[in-house]
Every structure is written in structure tokens, then in C-alpha cells.
């Protein structure tokens, strides 16, 4: 199954990693602590995006499982009604 939004998540992580690396290089080259702090913030955002994506996927898997269970239950109720000749 193709996960919607995966491309956007990969792009966000890629850009944040690129920003972190470039800020780190610039901070080390210019010896500026503010740029190093920015690199650290970008690195933390990468972790936050990945964690949020995993949480989102778990929630979507739970929704899909609940939908399958509901479909099974509806089918069993329909079969029961057919057996009792109560369908319209």
C-alpha cells in the first residue's frame, strides 16, 4: 500500500538535514555560536518530523484495522438478517 504524504515527509527531512549541515559548516567556519544553535534546532526538527510521521502511520493503521473490523461485523449482521429472512 502506498502511504500518502511520504514524499512530502522525505522532502521535509531532506531539507532540514541540508539546512542543519550547511548551518553547521557555516557556524564552524565563521565561529558563530548562533549558526551552531540553528544547526542543532534543524537536527531536532528532523527527529520531530520523523516521530510525528511514525505516530501518524500508526494512527492510520489503527483506523484501517477498525474499518476492516466494522466491515466484517456489518457483513455478519447482513448474513444473519438473510438467514432470518428479514431483509428488505
N, C-alpha and C. Protein backbone atom coordinates (compact mmCIF):
# COMPACT_ATOMS: atom_id res chain seq x y z
N UNK A 1 0.84 -1.17 0.00
CA UNK A 1 0.00 0.00 0.00
C UNK A 1 0.89 1.24 0.00
N UNK A 2 0.57 2.19 -0.84
CA UNK A 2 1.34 3.43 -0.92
C UNK A 2 0.86 4.39 0.16
N UNK A 3 1.79 4.91 0.91
CA UNK A 3 1.45 5.82 2.00
C UNK A 3 1.36 7.25 1.47
N UNK A 4 0.20 7.89 1.61
CA UNK A 4 0.09 9.27 1.14
C UNK A 4 0.94 10.21 1.99
N UNK A 5 1.55 11.16 1.34
CA UNK A 5 2.34 12.14 2.06
C UNK A 5 3.76 11.74 2.35
N UNK A 6 4.15 10.54 1.94
CA UNK A 6 5.52 10.09 2.20
C UNK A 6 6.53 11.01 1.51
N UNK A 7 6.22 11.42 0.29
CA UNK A 7 7.13 12.27 -0.47
C UNK A 7 7.35 13.60 0.25
N UNK A 8 6.28 14.17 0.77
CA UNK A 8 6.39 15.44 1.50
C UNK A 8 7.25 15.28 2.75
N UNK A 9 7.07 14.19 3.45
CA UNK A 9 7.85 13.94 4.66
C UNK A 9 9.33 13.77 4.33
N UNK A 10 9.61 13.00 3.28
CA UNK A 10 11.01 12.80 2.88
C UNK A 10 11.64 14.12 2.46
N UNK A 11 10.89 14.94 1.73
CA UNK A 11 11.41 16.24 1.30
C UNK A 11 11.68 17.13 2.52
N UNK A 12 10.77 17.14 3.49
CA UNK A 12 10.97 17.97 4.68
C UNK A 12 12.21 17.52 5.46
N UNK A 13 12.37 16.22 5.62
CA UNK A 13 13.54 15.71 6.34
C UNK A 13 14.81 16.04 5.57
N UNK A 14 14.77 15.89 4.26
CA UNK A 14 15.95 16.19 3.45
C UNK A 14 16.36 17.65 3.54
N UNK A 15 15.39 18.55 3.42
CA UNK A 15 15.71 19.97 3.52
C UNK A 15 16.20 20.36 4.91
N UNK A 16 15.59 19.79 5.93
CA UNK A 16 16.04 20.10 7.29
C UNK A 16 17.46 19.58 7.54
N UNK A 17 17.75 18.38 7.02
CA UNK A 17 19.11 17.86 7.17
C UNK A 17 20.12 18.72 6.40
N UNK A 18 19.74 19.13 5.19
CA UNK A 18 20.63 20.01 4.42
C UNK A 18 20.87 21.32 5.17
N UNK A 19 19.80 21.90 5.70
CA UNK A 19 19.95 23.13 6.47
C UNK A 19 20.86 22.92 7.68
N UNK A 20 20.67 21.80 8.38
CA UNK A 20 21.49 21.53 9.56
C UNK A 20 22.96 21.42 9.19
N UNK A 21 23.25 20.70 8.12
CA UNK A 21 24.65 20.53 7.71
C UNK A 21 25.25 21.85 7.27
N UNK A 22 24.51 22.61 6.47
CA UNK A 22 25.04 23.89 5.99
C UNK A 22 25.23 24.89 7.12
N UNK A 23 24.28 24.93 8.05
CA UNK A 23 24.44 25.81 9.21
C UNK A 23 25.61 25.39 10.08
N UNK A 24 25.80 24.09 10.22
CA UNK A 24 26.93 23.59 10.99
C UNK A 24 28.26 24.00 10.35
N UNK A 25 28.35 23.81 9.04
CA UNK A 25 29.57 24.19 8.34
C UNK A 25 29.81 25.70 8.45
N UNK A 26 28.76 26.48 8.23
CA UNK A 26 28.91 27.94 8.31
C UNK A 26 29.27 28.38 9.73
N UNK A 27 28.66 27.73 10.73
CA UNK A 27 28.96 28.08 12.11
C UNK A 27 30.39 27.75 12.49
N UNK A 28 30.87 26.60 12.03
CA UNK A 28 32.26 26.24 12.32
C UNK A 28 33.24 27.14 11.58
N UNK A 29 32.90 27.45 10.33
CA UNK A 29 33.79 28.28 9.52
C UNK A 29 33.87 29.71 10.06
N UNK A 30 32.69 30.27 10.40
CA UNK A 30 32.65 31.65 10.87
C UNK A 30 32.82 31.75 12.39
N UNK A 31 32.86 30.62 13.07
CA UNK A 31 32.98 30.59 14.53
C UNK A 31 31.89 31.41 15.20
N UNK A 32 30.65 31.12 14.76
CA UNK A 32 29.49 31.82 15.33
C UNK A 32 28.57 30.79 15.98
N UNK A 33 28.31 31.00 17.26
CA UNK A 33 27.50 30.06 18.03
C UNK A 33 26.05 30.07 17.58
N UNK A 34 25.56 31.19 17.10
CA UNK A 34 24.17 31.27 16.67
C UNK A 34 23.87 30.33 15.51
N UNK A 35 24.82 30.20 14.60
CA UNK A 35 24.63 29.28 13.49
C UNK A 35 24.65 27.83 13.95
N UNK A 36 25.48 27.55 14.95
CA UNK A 36 25.53 26.20 15.50
C UNK A 36 24.22 25.85 16.22
N UNK A 37 23.65 26.84 16.89
CA UNK A 37 22.35 26.63 17.55
C UNK A 37 21.27 26.34 16.50
N UNK A 38 21.34 27.08 15.40
CA UNK A 38 20.39 26.84 14.31
C UNK A 38 20.55 25.45 13.72
N UNK A 39 21.78 24.98 13.60
CA UNK A 39 22.02 23.62 13.11
C UNK A 39 21.43 22.59 14.06
N UNK A 40 21.60 22.82 15.34
CA UNK A 40 21.03 21.91 16.34
C UNK A 40 19.51 21.91 16.29
N UNK A 41 18.94 23.10 16.10
CA UNK A 41 17.47 23.19 16.02
C UNK A 41 16.95 22.43 14.80
N UNK A 42 17.63 22.57 13.68
CA UNK A 42 17.21 21.83 12.47
C UNK A 42 17.32 20.33 12.68
N UNK A 43 18.38 19.90 13.35
CA UNK A 43 18.54 18.48 13.64
C UNK A 43 17.43 17.97 14.55
N UNK A 44 17.04 18.75 15.55
CA UNK A 44 15.94 18.37 16.42
C UNK A 44 14.61 18.32 15.67
N UNK A 45 14.44 19.24 14.72
CA UNK A 45 13.22 19.22 13.91
C UNK A 45 13.15 17.98 13.03
N UNK A 46 14.28 17.50 12.57
CA UNK A 46 14.30 16.25 11.80
C UNK A 46 13.75 15.12 12.65
N UNK A 47 14.22 15.03 13.88
CA UNK A 47 13.74 13.99 14.79
C UNK A 47 12.25 14.15 15.04
N UNK A 48 11.79 15.39 15.23
CA UNK A 48 10.36 15.63 15.48
C UNK A 48 9.50 15.24 14.28
N UNK A 49 9.96 15.54 13.08
CA UNK A 49 9.19 15.19 11.88
C UNK A 49 9.09 13.68 11.74
N UNK A 50 10.20 12.98 11.96
CA UNK A 50 10.19 11.51 11.84
C UNK A 50 9.27 10.90 12.89
N UNK A 51 9.33 11.39 14.11
CA UNK A 51 8.46 10.86 15.17
C UNK A 51 6.99 11.13 14.87
N UNK A 52 6.69 12.33 14.37
CA UNK A 52 5.30 12.66 14.03
C UNK A 52 4.81 11.78 12.88
N UNK A 53 5.66 11.52 11.91
CA UNK A 53 5.28 10.66 10.77
C UNK A 53 4.98 9.24 11.25
N UNK A 54 5.81 8.72 12.13
CA UNK A 54 5.57 7.37 12.65
C UNK A 54 4.27 7.30 13.44
N UNK A 55 4.01 8.33 14.23
CA UNK A 55 2.76 8.37 15.01
C UNK A 55 1.55 8.44 14.07
N UNK A 56 1.67 9.24 13.03
CA UNK A 56 0.60 9.35 12.03
C UNK A 56 0.35 8.00 11.37
N UNK A 57 1.39 7.29 10.97
CA UNK A 57 1.23 5.99 10.30
C UNK A 57 0.58 4.99 11.24
N UNK A 58 0.98 4.99 12.52
CA UNK A 58 0.34 4.08 13.49
C UNK A 58 -1.15 4.38 13.61
N UNK A 59 -1.50 5.66 13.68
CA UNK A 59 -2.91 6.04 13.80
C UNK A 59 -3.69 5.61 12.55
N UNK A 60 -3.10 5.78 11.37
CA UNK A 60 -3.78 5.39 10.13
C UNK A 60 -3.93 3.87 10.05
N UNK A 61 -2.96 3.12 10.55
CA UNK A 61 -3.07 1.66 10.59
C UNK A 61 -4.19 1.23 11.53
N UNK A 62 -4.32 1.92 12.66
CA UNK A 62 -5.41 1.60 13.59
C UNK A 62 -6.77 1.90 12.97
N UNK A 63 -6.87 3.01 12.24
CA UNK A 63 -8.13 3.34 11.57
C UNK A 63 -8.47 2.28 10.53
N UNK A 64 -7.49 1.85 9.76
CA UNK A 64 -7.73 0.82 8.75
C UNK A 64 -8.17 -0.49 9.39
N UNK A 65 -7.56 -0.86 10.51
CA UNK A 65 -7.96 -2.09 11.20
C UNK A 65 -9.38 -1.97 11.73
N UNK A 66 -9.74 -0.81 12.26
CA UNK A 66 -11.09 -0.61 12.76
C UNK A 66 -12.11 -0.67 11.62
N UNK A 67 -11.76 -0.13 10.47
CA UNK A 67 -12.66 -0.20 9.31
C UNK A 67 -12.85 -1.64 8.85
N UNK A 68 -11.78 -2.42 8.84
CA UNK A 68 -11.91 -3.83 8.46
C UNK A 68 -12.79 -4.58 9.44
N UNK A 69 -12.62 -4.31 10.72
CA UNK A 69 -13.44 -4.97 11.74
C UNK A 69 -14.90 -4.58 11.59
N UNK A 70 -15.15 -3.31 11.31
CA UNK A 70 -16.53 -2.85 11.14
C UNK A 70 -17.15 -3.49 9.90
N UNK A 71 -16.39 -3.62 8.83
CA UNK A 71 -16.91 -4.24 7.62
C UNK A 71 -17.27 -5.70 7.88
N UNK A 72 -16.42 -6.40 8.62
CA UNK A 72 -16.71 -7.79 8.97
C UNK A 72 -17.98 -7.90 9.81
N UNK A 73 -18.13 -6.99 10.75
CA UNK A 73 -19.32 -7.00 11.61
C UNK A 73 -20.59 -6.72 10.80
N UNK A 74 -20.53 -5.76 9.89
CA UNK A 74 -21.69 -5.44 9.05
C UNK A 74 -22.05 -6.64 8.18
N UNK A 75 -21.05 -7.30 7.62
CA UNK A 75 -21.32 -8.49 6.80
C UNK A 75 -21.98 -9.59 7.62
N UNK A 76 -21.53 -9.79 8.85
CA UNK A 76 -22.14 -10.83 9.69
C UNK A 76 -23.57 -10.47 10.04
N UNK A 77 -23.88 -9.21 10.27
CA UNK A 77 -25.25 -8.79 10.54
C UNK A 77 -26.12 -9.00 9.31
N UNK A 78 -25.60 -8.67 8.13
CA UNK A 78 -26.35 -8.90 6.89
C UNK A 78 -26.63 -10.39 6.69
N UNK A 79 -25.65 -11.23 6.94
CA UNK A 79 -25.86 -12.68 6.81
C UNK A 79 -26.91 -13.17 7.78
N UNK A 80 -26.89 -12.66 9.00
CA UNK A 80 -27.88 -13.05 10.00
C UNK A 80 -29.29 -12.63 9.56
N UNK A 81 -29.41 -11.43 9.02
CA UNK A 81 -30.72 -10.97 8.55
C UNK A 81 -31.20 -11.79 7.36
N UNK A 82 -30.31 -12.18 6.48
CA UNK A 82 -30.67 -13.02 5.33
C UNK A 82 -31.16 -14.38 5.78
N UNK A 83 -30.48 -14.93 6.79
CA UNK A 83 -30.88 -16.23 7.31
C UNK A 83 -32.26 -16.17 7.97
N UNK A 84 -32.59 -15.07 8.59
CA UNK A 84 -33.88 -14.92 9.25
C UNK A 84 -34.94 -14.36 8.30
N UNK A 85 -34.59 -14.12 7.05
CA UNK A 85 -35.49 -13.58 6.02
C UNK A 85 -36.07 -12.24 6.43
N UNK A 86 -35.25 -11.42 7.04
CA UNK A 86 -35.72 -10.11 7.47
C UNK A 86 -35.19 -8.99 6.59
N UNK A 87 -34.55 -9.32 5.51
CA UNK A 87 -34.01 -8.27 4.64
C UNK A 87 -35.12 -7.68 3.79
N UNK A 88 -34.92 -6.47 3.34
CA UNK A 88 -35.94 -5.79 2.52
C UNK A 88 -35.68 -6.01 1.07
